[in-house]
PDB file of N, CA and C in Angstrom:
ATOM      1  N   UNK A   1      53.331 -55.233 -51.990  1.00  0.00           N
ATOM      2  CA  UNK A   1      51.525 -55.840 -52.541  1.00  0.00           C
ATOM      3  C   UNK A   1      51.865 -56.375 -51.014  1.00  0.00           C
ATOM      4  N   UNK A   2      52.955 -56.074 -50.555  1.00  0.00           N
ATOM      5  CA  UNK A   2      52.799 -56.175 -48.677  1.00  0.00           C
ATOM      6  C   UNK A   2      51.997 -57.528 -48.085  1.00  0.00           C
ATOM      7  N   UNK A   3      51.312 -57.911 -47.281  1.00  0.00           N
ATOM      8  CA  UNK A   3      51.583 -58.811 -46.204  1.00  0.00           C
ATOM      9  C   UNK A   3      49.412 -59.125 -46.281  1.00  0.00           C
ATOM     10  N   UNK A   4      48.888 -58.414 -47.606  1.00  0.00           N
ATOM     11  CA  UNK A   4      47.522 -59.134 -47.855  1.00  0.00           C
ATOM     12  C   UNK A   4      47.740 -59.952 -48.417  1.00  0.00           C
ATOM     13  N   UNK A   5      48.288 -60.127 -49.115  1.00  0.00           N
ATOM     14  CA  UNK A   5      48.578 -61.263 -50.595  1.00  0.00           C
ATOM     15  C   UNK A   5      48.734 -62.292 -49.959  1.00  0.00           C
ATOM     16  N   UNK A   6      49.695 -62.468 -48.512  1.00  0.00           N
ATOM     17  CA  UNK A   6      49.819 -63.310 -48.509  1.00  0.00           C
ATOM     18  C   UNK A   6      49.693 -64.578 -47.847  1.00  0.00           C
ATOM     19  N   UNK A   7      47.958 -64.456 -47.820  1.00  0.00           N
ATOM     20  CA  UNK A   7      47.552 -65.707 -47.495  1.00  0.00           C
ATOM     21  C   UNK A   7      46.846 -65.907 -48.652  1.00  0.00           C
ATOM     22  N   UNK A   8      46.879 -65.399 -49.574  1.00  0.00           N
ATOM     23  CA  UNK A   8      46.357 -66.163 -50.676  1.00  0.00           C
ATOM     24  C   UNK A   8      47.412 -66.694 -50.925  1.00  0.00           C
ATOM     25  N   UNK A   9      48.657 -66.963 -51.148  1.00  0.00           N
ATOM     26  CA  UNK A   9      49.581 -67.143 -51.905  1.00  0.00           C
ATOM     27  C   UNK A   9      49.900 -68.651 -50.989  1.00  0.00           C
ATOM     28  N   UNK A  10      49.577 -68.538 -49.580  1.00  0.00           N
ATOM     29  CA  UNK A  10      50.156 -69.583 -48.211  1.00  0.00           C
ATOM     30  C   UNK A  10      48.459 -70.080 -48.929  1.00  0.00           C
ATOM     31  N   UNK A  11      47.069 -70.126 -48.855  1.00  0.00           N
ATOM     32  CA  UNK A  11      46.704 -71.115 -49.364  1.00  0.00           C
ATOM     33  C   UNK A  11      46.594 -72.140 -50.570  1.00  0.00           C
ATOM     34  N   UNK A  12      47.404 -70.440 -51.537  1.00  0.00           N
ATOM     35  CA  UNK A  12      47.361 -71.375 -52.709  1.00  0.00           C
ATOM     36  C   UNK A  12      48.638 -72.919 -52.834  1.00  0.00           C
ATOM     37  N   UNK A  13      49.200 -72.867 -52.271  1.00  0.00           N
ATOM     38  CA  UNK A  13      50.484 -73.500 -52.352  1.00  0.00           C
ATOM     39  C   UNK A  13      50.182 -74.709 -50.937  1.00  0.00           C
ATOM     40  N   UNK A  14      49.221 -74.537 -50.621  1.00  0.00           N
ATOM     41  CA  UNK A  14      48.790 -75.655 -49.734  1.00  0.00           C
ATOM     42  C   UNK A  14      47.739 -76.201 -50.053  1.00  0.00           C
ATOM     43  N   UNK A  15      47.275 -75.709 -51.247  1.00  0.00           N
ATOM     44  CA  UNK A  15      46.290 -76.932 -51.950  1.00  0.00           C
ATOM     45  C   UNK A  15      47.079 -77.309 -53.560  1.00  0.00           C
ATOM     46  N   UNK A  16      48.125 -76.420 -53.874  1.00  0.00           N
ATOM     47  CA  UNK A  16      48.984 -76.958 -54.470  1.00  0.00           C
ATOM     48  C   UNK A  16      49.844 -78.085 -54.242  1.00  0.00           C
ATOM     49  N   UNK A  17      50.342 -78.244 -53.012  1.00  0.00           N
ATOM     50  CA  UNK A  17      50.757 -79.342 -52.346  1.00  0.00           C
ATOM     51  C   UNK A  17      49.749 -79.885 -52.154  1.00  0.00           C
ATOM     52  N   UNK A  18      48.544 -80.207 -51.615  1.00  0.00           N
ATOM     53  CA  UNK A  18      47.788 -81.991 -51.882  1.00  0.00           C
ATOM     54  C   UNK A  18      47.814 -81.297 -53.250  1.00  0.00           C
ATOM     55  N   UNK A  19      47.857 -81.326 -54.115  1.00  0.00           N
ATOM     56  CA  UNK A  19      47.472 -81.789 -55.503  1.00  0.00           C
ATOM     57  C   UNK A  19      48.895 -82.438 -56.017  1.00  0.00           C
ATOM     58  N   UNK A  20      50.216 -81.939 -55.606  1.00  0.00           N
ATOM     59  CA  UNK A  20      50.534 -83.004 -55.906  1.00  0.00           C
ATOM     60  C   UNK A  20      51.138 -83.940 -55.366  1.00  0.00           C
ATOM     61  N   UNK A  21      50.554 -84.607 -54.393  1.00  0.00           N
ATOM     62  CA  UNK A  21      51.170 -85.233 -53.715  1.00  0.00           C
ATOM     63  C   UNK A  21      50.034 -86.433 -54.600  1.00  0.00           C
ATOM     64  N   UNK A  22      48.680 -85.970 -54.235  1.00  0.00           N
ATOM     65  CA  UNK A  22      47.285 -86.422 -55.112  1.00  0.00           C
ATOM     66  C   UNK A  22      47.959 -87.783 -56.346  1.00  0.00           C
ATOM     67  N   UNK A  23      48.474 -86.456 -56.831  1.00  0.00           N
ATOM     68  CA  UNK A  23      48.587 -86.620 -58.462  1.00  0.00           C
ATOM     69  C   UNK A  23      49.829 -87.530 -58.030  1.00  0.00           C
ATOM     70  N   UNK A  24      50.517 -88.087 -57.551  1.00  0.00           N
ATOM     71  CA  UNK A  24      52.072 -88.494 -57.579  1.00  0.00           C
ATOM     72  C   UNK A  24      51.987 -89.937 -56.668  1.00  0.00           C
ATOM     73  N   UNK A  25      50.514 -90.335 -55.743  1.00  0.00           N
ATOM     74  CA  UNK A  25      51.059 -91.159 -55.099  1.00  0.00           C
ATOM     75  C   UNK A  25      49.599 -91.684 -55.328  1.00  0.00           C
ATOM     76  N   UNK A  26      48.042 -91.565 -55.627  1.00  0.00           N
ATOM     77  CA  UNK A  26      47.436 -92.207 -55.686  1.00  0.00           C
ATOM     78  C   UNK A  26      47.878 -92.935 -56.925  1.00  0.00           C
ATOM     79  N   UNK A  27      46.873 -95.197 -56.987  1.00  0.00           N
ATOM     80  CA  UNK A  27      46.301 -95.044 -57.934  1.00  0.00           C
ATOM     81  C   UNK A  27      45.378 -95.376 -58.816  1.00  0.00           C
ATOM     82  N   UNK A  28      44.613 -94.592 -57.642  1.00  0.00           N
ATOM     83  CA  UNK A  28      43.031 -94.452 -59.057  1.00  0.00           C
ATOM     84  C   UNK A  28      43.076 -93.173 -59.606  1.00  0.00           C
ATOM     85  N   UNK A  29      43.238 -93.594 -60.900  1.00  0.00           N
ATOM     86  CA  UNK A  29      42.755 -92.682 -62.158  1.00  0.00           C
ATOM     87  C   UNK A  29      41.434 -91.610 -62.209  1.00  0.00           C
ATOM     88  N   UNK A  30      41.110 -91.821 -61.514  1.00  0.00           N
ATOM     89  CA  UNK A  30      39.920 -90.672 -61.140  1.00  0.00           C
ATOM     90  C   UNK A  30      40.928 -89.132 -60.200  1.00  0.00           C
ATOM     91  N   UNK A  31      41.063 -89.968 -58.878  1.00  0.00           N
ATOM     92  CA  UNK A  31      41.847 -89.527 -57.917  1.00  0.00           C
ATOM     93  C   UNK A  31      42.692 -88.228 -58.382  1.00  0.00           C
ATOM     94  N   UNK A  32      43.916 -89.164 -59.628  1.00  0.00           N
ATOM     95  CA  UNK A  32      45.042 -87.848 -60.225  1.00  0.00           C
ATOM     96  C   UNK A  32      44.202 -87.561 -60.919  1.00  0.00           C
ATOM     97  N   UNK A  33      43.197 -87.254 -61.690  1.00  0.00           N
ATOM     98  CA  UNK A  33      42.545 -86.066 -62.426  1.00  0.00           C
ATOM     99  C   UNK A  33      41.806 -85.353 -60.842  1.00  0.00           C
ATOM    100  N   UNK A  34      41.153 -86.081 -60.433  1.00  0.00           N
ATOM    101  CA  UNK A  34      40.583 -84.805 -59.093  1.00  0.00           C
ATOM    102  C   UNK A  34      41.804 -83.991 -58.356  1.00  0.00           C
ATOM    103  N   UNK A  35      43.490 -84.913 -58.576  1.00  0.00           N
ATOM    104  CA  UNK A  35      44.385 -83.974 -57.915  1.00  0.00           C
ATOM    105  C   UNK A  35      44.429 -82.280 -58.921  1.00  0.00           C
ATOM    106  N   UNK A  36      44.927 -83.414 -60.083  1.00  0.00           N
ATOM    107  CA  UNK A  36      45.151 -82.369 -60.854  1.00  0.00           C
ATOM    108  C   UNK A  36      44.749 -81.079 -61.314  1.00  0.00           C
ATOM    109  N   UNK A  37      43.268 -81.399 -60.972  1.00  0.00           N
ATOM    110  CA  UNK A  37      42.246 -79.713 -60.615  1.00  0.00           C
ATOM    111  C   UNK A  37      41.825 -79.337 -60.016  1.00  0.00           C
ATOM    112  N   UNK A  38      43.142 -79.950 -58.411  1.00  0.00           N
ATOM    113  CA  UNK A  38      43.270 -79.024 -57.541  1.00  0.00           C
ATOM    114  C   UNK A  38      44.411 -78.637 -57.483  1.00  0.00           C
ATOM    115  N   UNK A  39      45.541 -78.554 -58.195  1.00  0.00           N
ATOM    116  CA  UNK A  39      46.811 -78.370 -58.727  1.00  0.00           C
ATOM    117  C   UNK A  39      45.999 -77.454 -59.755  1.00  0.00           C
ATOM    118  N   UNK A  40      45.310 -77.550 -60.152  1.00  0.00           N
ATOM    119  CA  UNK A  40      44.788 -76.683 -61.138  1.00  0.00           C
ATOM    120  C   UNK A  40      44.056 -74.613 -61.083  1.00  0.00           C
ATOM    121  N   UNK A  41      43.652 -75.077 -59.645  1.00  0.00           N
ATOM    122  CA  UNK A  41      42.295 -73.812 -58.693  1.00  0.00           C
ATOM    123  C   UNK A  41      43.752 -72.982 -58.329  1.00  0.00           C
ATOM    124  N   UNK A  42      45.078 -74.183 -58.214  1.00  0.00           N
ATOM    125  CA  UNK A  42      45.764 -73.153 -56.524  1.00  0.00           C
ATOM    126  C   UNK A  42      46.033 -72.899 -57.520  1.00  0.00           C
ATOM    127  N   UNK A  43      46.581 -72.981 -58.860  1.00  0.00           N
ATOM    128  CA  UNK A  43      47.389 -71.472 -59.582  1.00  0.00           C
ATOM    129  C   UNK A  43      45.557 -70.404 -60.337  1.00  0.00           C
ATOM    130  N   UNK A  44      44.994 -71.472 -60.922  1.00  0.00           N
ATOM    131  CA  UNK A  44      43.559 -69.961 -60.992  1.00  0.00           C
ATOM    132  C   UNK A  44      43.859 -68.526 -59.067  1.00  0.00           C
ATOM    133  N   UNK A  45      43.809 -69.063 -58.194  1.00  0.00           N
ATOM    134  CA  UNK A  45      43.861 -68.420 -56.839  1.00  0.00           C
ATOM    135  C   UNK A  45      45.420 -67.857 -56.897  1.00  0.00           C
ATOM    136  N   UNK A  46      46.500 -68.072 -57.306  1.00  0.00           N
ATOM    137  CA  UNK A  46      47.332 -67.453 -57.838  1.00  0.00           C
ATOM    138  C   UNK A  46      47.467 -65.969 -58.579  1.00  0.00           C
ATOM    139  N   UNK A  47      46.989 -67.035 -59.313  1.00  0.00           N
ATOM    140  CA  UNK A  47      46.402 -65.618 -61.369  1.00  0.00           C
ATOM    141  C   UNK A  47      45.922 -64.563 -59.956  1.00  0.00           C
ATOM    142  N   UNK A  48      44.017 -65.531 -59.914  1.00  0.00           N
ATOM    143  CA  UNK A  48      43.333 -63.547 -59.031  1.00  0.00           C
ATOM    144  C   UNK A  48      44.221 -62.800 -57.477  1.00  0.00           C
ATOM    145  N   UNK A  49      44.173 -63.960 -56.816  1.00  0.00           N
ATOM    146  CA  UNK A  49      45.461 -63.032 -56.619  1.00  0.00           C
ATOM    147  C   UNK A  49      46.238 -61.948 -56.886  1.00  0.00           C
ATOM    148  N   UNK A  50      47.307 -62.094 -57.938  1.00  0.00           N
ATOM    149  CA  UNK A  50      48.511 -61.275 -58.456  1.00  0.00           C
ATOM    150  C   UNK A  50      47.519 -59.808 -59.118  1.00  0.00           C
ATOM    151  N   UNK A  51      46.494 -61.205 -59.793  1.00  0.00           N
ATOM    152  CA  UNK A  51      45.584 -59.258 -59.772  1.00  0.00           C
ATOM    153  C   UNK A  51      45.065 -58.641 -59.782  1.00  0.00           C
ATOM    154  N   UNK A  52      44.602 -59.028 -58.959  1.00  0.00           N
ATOM    155  CA  UNK A  52      43.551 -57.591 -58.089  1.00  0.00           C
ATOM    156  C   UNK A  52      44.588 -57.326 -56.491  1.00  0.00           C
ATOM    157  N   UNK A  53      45.166 -57.618 -56.571  1.00  0.00           N
ATOM    158  CA  UNK A  53      46.287 -56.944 -55.764  1.00  0.00           C
ATOM    159  C   UNK A  53      47.122 -57.063 -55.599  1.00  0.00           C
ATOM    160  N   UNK A  54      47.975 -57.024 -56.486  1.00  0.00           N
ATOM    161  CA  UNK A  54      49.542 -57.336 -56.599  1.00  0.00           C
ATOM    162  C   UNK A  54      50.087 -55.481 -57.050  1.00  0.00           C
ATOM    163  N   UNK A  55      51.340 -55.101 -57.570  1.00  0.00           N
ATOM    164  CA  UNK A  55      51.032 -53.504 -57.712  1.00  0.00           C
ATOM    165  C   UNK A  55      50.773 -53.313 -58.177  1.00  0.00           C
ATOM    166  N   UNK A  56      49.653 -53.468 -60.111  1.00  0.00           N
ATOM    167  CA  UNK A  56      48.800 -52.831 -60.666  1.00  0.00           C
ATOM    168  C   UNK A  56      48.155 -54.398 -60.967  1.00  0.00           C
ATOM    169  N   UNK A  57      47.192 -53.478 -60.469  1.00  0.00           N
ATOM    170  CA  UNK A  57      45.815 -54.607 -60.354  1.00  0.00           C
ATOM    171  C   UNK A  57      45.937 -54.199 -62.201  1.00  0.00           C
ATOM    172  N   UNK A  58      45.132 -55.060 -62.541  1.00  0.00           N
ATOM    173  CA  UNK A  58      44.452 -55.301 -64.057  1.00  0.00           C
ATOM    174  C   UNK A  58      44.122 -56.461 -64.215  1.00  0.00           C
ATOM    175  N   UNK A  59      43.609 -56.464 -64.693  1.00  0.00           N
ATOM    176  CA  UNK A  59      42.521 -57.320 -65.985  1.00  0.00           C
ATOM    177  C   UNK A  59      42.866 -58.975 -65.538  1.00  0.00           C
ATOM    178  N   UNK A  60      44.412 -59.382 -66.537  1.00  0.00           N
ATOM    179  CA  UNK A  60      44.597 -60.371 -67.331  1.00  0.00           C
ATOM    180  C   UNK A  60      45.114 -61.749 -66.617  1.00  0.00           C
ATOM    181  N   UNK A  61      45.700 -61.535 -65.283  1.00  0.00           N
ATOM    182  CA  UNK A  61      45.011 -62.613 -64.205  1.00  0.00           C
ATOM    183  C   UNK A  61      43.877 -63.017 -64.351  1.00  0.00           C
ATOM    184  N   UNK A  62      42.224 -62.626 -64.463  1.00  0.00           N
ATOM    185  CA  UNK A  62      41.300 -62.562 -63.997  1.00  0.00           C
ATOM    186  C   UNK A  62      40.982 -64.158 -65.787  1.00  0.00           C
ATOM    187  N   UNK A  63      41.551 -63.074 -66.841  1.00  0.00           N
ATOM    188  CA  UNK A  63      41.557 -63.518 -67.734  1.00  0.00           C
ATOM    189  C   UNK A  63      42.353 -64.868 -67.737  1.00  0.00           C
ATOM    190  N   UNK A  64      43.334 -64.639 -67.479  1.00  0.00           N
ATOM    191  CA  UNK A  64      44.206 -65.753 -67.736  1.00  0.00           C
ATOM    192  C   UNK A  64      43.391 -67.142 -66.710  1.00  0.00           C
ATOM    193  N   UNK A  65      42.450 -66.970 -66.028  1.00  0.00           N
ATOM    194  CA  UNK A  65      42.550 -67.203 -64.921  1.00  0.00           C
ATOM    195  C   UNK A  65      40.874 -68.280 -65.971  1.00  0.00           C
ATOM    196  N   UNK A  66      40.122 -67.939 -66.924  1.00  0.00           N
ATOM    197  CA  UNK A  66      38.861 -68.094 -66.919  1.00  0.00           C
ATOM    198  C   UNK A  66      39.316 -69.825 -68.224  1.00  0.00           C
ATOM    199  N   UNK A  67      40.654 -69.465 -68.291  1.00  0.00           N
ATOM    200  CA  UNK A  67      41.671 -69.788 -70.565  1.00  0.00           C
ATOM    201  C   UNK A  67      41.314 -70.396 -69.447  1.00  0.00           C
ATOM    202  N   UNK A  68      42.055 -71.032 -67.891  1.00  0.00           N
ATOM    203  CA  UNK A  68      42.548 -71.514 -66.984  1.00  0.00           C
ATOM    204  C   UNK A  68      41.085 -72.808 -67.009  1.00  0.00           C
ATOM    205  N   UNK A  69      40.592 -72.515 -66.881  1.00  0.00           N
ATOM    206  CA  UNK A  69      39.524 -73.088 -66.180  1.00  0.00           C
ATOM    207  C   UNK A  69      39.266 -73.555 -67.496  1.00  0.00           C
ATOM    208  N   UNK A  70      38.980 -73.086 -68.364  1.00  0.00           N
ATOM    209  CA  UNK A  70      37.985 -73.788 -69.645  1.00  0.00           C
ATOM    210  C   UNK A  70      39.134 -75.327 -69.902  1.00  0.00           C
ATOM    211  N   UNK A  71      40.447 -74.597 -70.164  1.00  0.00           N
ATOM    212  CA  UNK A  71      41.439 -75.788 -70.716  1.00  0.00           C
ATOM    213  C   UNK A  71      41.463 -77.316 -69.183  1.00  0.00           C
ATOM    214  N   UNK A  72      40.551 -76.748 -68.018  1.00  0.00           N
ATOM    215  CA  UNK A  72      41.211 -77.529 -67.095  1.00  0.00           C
ATOM    216  C   UNK A  72      39.113 -78.351 -67.188  1.00  0.00           C
ATOM    217  N   UNK A  73      38.309 -78.159 -67.373  1.00  0.00           N
ATOM    218  CA  UNK A  73      37.043 -78.949 -67.940  1.00  0.00           C
ATOM    219  C   UNK A  73      37.338 -79.702 -69.259  1.00  0.00           C
ATOM    220  N   UNK A  74      38.142 -78.941 -70.022  1.00  0.00           N
ATOM    221  CA  UNK A  74      37.605 -80.087 -71.108  1.00  0.00           C
ATOM    222  C   UNK A  74      39.135 -81.240 -70.903  1.00  0.00           C
ATOM    223  N   UNK A  75      40.323 -80.338 -70.297  1.00  0.00           N
ATOM    224  CA  UNK A  75      41.070 -81.710 -69.305  1.00  0.00           C
ATOM    225  C   UNK A  75      40.632 -83.025 -68.522  1.00  0.00           C
ATOM    226  N   UNK A  76      39.611 -82.083 -68.051  1.00  0.00           N
ATOM    227  CA  UNK A  76      38.301 -83.901 -67.234  1.00  0.00           C
ATOM    228  C   UNK A  76      38.065 -84.215 -68.648  1.00  0.00           C
ATOM    229  N   UNK A  77      36.613 -84.125 -69.470  1.00  0.00           N
ATOM    230  CA  UNK A  77      36.434 -84.087 -69.622  1.00  0.00           C
ATOM    231  C   UNK A  77      37.038 -84.994 -70.771  1.00  0.00           C
ATOM    232  N   UNK A  78      38.010 -85.073 -71.537  1.00  0.00           N
ATOM    233  CA  UNK A  78      38.675 -86.130 -71.853  1.00  0.00           C
ATOM    234  C   UNK A  78      39.313 -87.076 -70.892  1.00  0.00           C
ATOM    235  N   UNK A  79      39.496 -87.125 -69.995  1.00  0.00           N
ATOM    236  CA  UNK A  79      40.303 -87.519 -69.336  1.00  0.00           C
ATOM    237  C   UNK A  79      39.772 -88.404 -68.554  1.00  0.00           C
ATOM    238  N   UNK A  80      38.334 -88.748 -68.354  1.00  0.00           N
ATOM    239  CA  UNK A  80      37.044 -89.156 -67.937  1.00  0.00           C
ATOM    240  C   UNK A  80      36.841 -90.314 -68.605  1.00  0.00           C
ATOM    241  N   UNK A  81      36.253 -89.402 -69.622  1.00  0.00           N
ATOM    242  CA  UNK A  81      36.048 -90.348 -71.339  1.00  0.00           C
ATOM    243  C   UNK A  81      37.584 -91.441 -72.045  1.00  0.00           C
ATOM    244  N   UNK A  82      38.457 -91.574 -71.637  1.00  0.00           N
ATOM    245  CA  UNK A  82      39.129 -92.163 -71.768  1.00  0.00           C
ATOM    246  C   UNK A  82      39.940 -93.158 -70.673  1.00  0.00           C
ATOM    247  N   UNK A  83      39.617 -92.392 -69.244  1.00  0.00           N
ATOM    248  CA  UNK A  83      39.626 -93.504 -68.095  1.00  0.00           C
ATOM    249  C   UNK A  83      38.220 -94.675 -68.130  1.00  0.00           C
ATOM    250  N   UNK A  84      37.089 -94.078 -69.430  1.00  0.00           N
ATOM    251  CA  UNK A  84      36.160 -95.323 -69.390  1.00  0.00           C
ATOM    252  C   UNK A  84      36.707 -96.066 -69.866  1.00  0.00           C
ATOM    253  N   UNK A  85      36.817 -95.963 -71.110  1.00  0.00           N
ATOM    254  CA  UNK A  85      37.411 -96.729 -72.214  1.00  0.00           C
ATOM    255  C   UNK A  85      38.131 -97.537 -71.372  1.00  0.00           C
ATOM    256  N   UNK A  86      39.053 -97.437 -70.964  1.00  0.00           N
ATOM    257  CA  UNK A  86      40.041 -97.558 -69.545  1.00  0.00           C
ATOM    258  C   UNK A  86      39.199 -98.943 -69.555  1.00  0.00           C
ATOM    259  N   UNK A  87      37.923 -98.645 -68.431  1.00  0.00           N
ATOM    260  CA  UNK A  87      38.272 -99.700 -67.112  1.00  0.00           C
ATOM    261  C   UNK A  87      37.147-100.549 -67.943  1.00  0.00           C
ATOM    262  N   UNK A  88      36.013 -99.675 -69.025  1.00  0.00           N
ATOM    263  CA  UNK A  88      36.063-101.684 -70.169  1.00  0.00           C
ATOM    264  C   UNK A  88      36.609-101.696 -71.019  1.00  0.00           C
ATOM    265  N   UNK A  89      37.921-101.966 -71.516  1.00  0.00           N
ATOM    266  CA  UNK A  89      38.208-102.514 -71.942  1.00  0.00           C
ATOM    267  C   UNK A  89      39.472-103.935 -71.126  1.00  0.00           C
ATOM    268  N   UNK A  90      39.608-102.956 -70.047  1.00  0.00           N
ATOM    269  CA  UNK A  90      40.616-103.960 -68.769  1.00  0.00           C
ATOM    270  C   UNK A  90      40.067-103.665 -67.343  1.00  0.00           C
ATOM    271  N   UNK A  91      39.002-103.343 -67.009  1.00  0.00           N
ATOM    272  CA  UNK A  91      38.440-103.979 -66.039  1.00  0.00           C
ATOM    273  C   UNK A  91      38.917-103.773 -64.729  1.00  0.00           C
ATOM    274  N   UNK A  92      39.489-102.375 -64.592  1.00  0.00           N
ATOM    275  CA  UNK A  92      40.052-101.177 -63.811  1.00  0.00           C
ATOM    276  C   UNK A  92      40.977-100.234 -63.605  1.00  0.00           C
ATOM    277  N   UNK A  93      40.723 -99.603 -63.358  1.00  0.00           N
ATOM    278  CA  UNK A  93      41.686 -97.297 -62.524  1.00  0.00           C
ATOM    279  C   UNK A  93      42.138 -97.009 -62.532  1.00  0.00           C
ATOM    280  N   UNK A  94      42.995 -98.733 -62.484  1.00  0.00           N
ATOM    281  CA  UNK A  94      44.748 -98.751 -61.628  1.00  0.00           C
ATOM    282  C   UNK A  94      45.772 -98.023 -62.971  1.00  0.00           C
ATOM    283  N   UNK A  95      45.928 -97.071 -62.577  1.00  0.00           N
ATOM    284  CA  UNK A  95      47.382 -96.301 -63.385  1.00  0.00           C
ATOM    285  C   UNK A  95      48.435 -97.059 -63.547  1.00  0.00           C
ATOM    286  N   UNK A  96      48.573 -96.937 -62.038  1.00  0.00           N
ATOM    287  CA  UNK A  96      49.807 -98.259 -62.214  1.00  0.00           C
ATOM    288  C   UNK A  96      50.110 -99.871 -63.496  1.00  0.00           C
ATOM    289  N   UNK A  97      48.636-100.318 -63.265  1.00  0.00           N
ATOM    290  CA  UNK A  97      48.270-101.058 -64.483  1.00  0.00           C
ATOM    291  C   UNK A  97      48.652-100.410 -66.006  1.00  0.00           C
ATOM    292  N   UNK A  98      48.916 -98.984 -66.066  1.00  0.00           N
ATOM    293  CA  UNK A  98      48.362 -98.677 -67.549  1.00  0.00           C
ATOM    294  C   UNK A  98      49.521 -98.801 -68.265  1.00  0.00           C
ATOM    295  N   UNK A  99      50.927 -99.364 -67.408  1.00  0.00           N
ATOM    296  CA  UNK A  99      52.688 -99.193 -68.332  1.00  0.00           C
ATOM    297  C   UNK A  99      52.762 -99.260 -69.425  1.00  0.00           C
ATOM    298  N   UNK A 100      52.097 -99.769 -70.576  1.00  0.00           N
ATOM    299  CA  UNK A 100      52.069-100.777 -71.865  1.00  0.00           C
ATOM    300  C   UNK A 100      51.122-100.184 -72.144  1.00  0.00           C
ATOM    301  N   UNK A 101      50.630-100.536 -74.211  1.00  0.00           N
ATOM    302  CA  UNK A 101      49.656 -99.785 -75.458  1.00  0.00           C
ATOM    303  C   UNK A 101      49.413-101.505 -75.907  1.00  0.00           C
ATOM    304  N   UNK A 102      50.500-101.987 -75.258  1.00  0.00           N
ATOM    305  CA  UNK A 102      49.762-103.768 -75.983  1.00  0.00           C
ATOM    306  C   UNK A 102      47.995-103.996 -74.417  1.00  0.00           C
ATOM    307  N   UNK A 103      46.915-105.276 -75.247  1.00  0.00           N
ATOM    308  CA  UNK A 103      46.722-105.195 -74.114  1.00  0.00           C
ATOM    309  C   UNK A 103      47.203-105.980 -73.752  1.00  0.00           C
TER     310      UNK A 103
END
C-alpha cells in the first residue's frame, strides 16, 4: 500500500472532519444535508483509493462507490423534500426547532 495512498486518505479524513463539524454544529437543515453529502464523498474517495491503490486492485470499491452515490442522491432528494415541507408548515429551516412531533 505504501505512501502513494496517503494523500488520498488524508484528503478524505479532512473532508470527513469538515462534514462532521458542519453536521454537528450548524442549525440550518440545508447545511446539515450538504455536510452529510461531504462525509459521503469522503467515504467515496476512500473506496476508490483502496480500490485502485490497495494491495489487491479490483472494481469492488468503485462499485460500492456507485451504490453510495445513488444512496446519497436519494437521501438528498428526500431530505430536501422534507425540509421544504417543514419550511412551509413552520416557516423555518432551523433544525433546533424540530425537536417535537406536535405543531
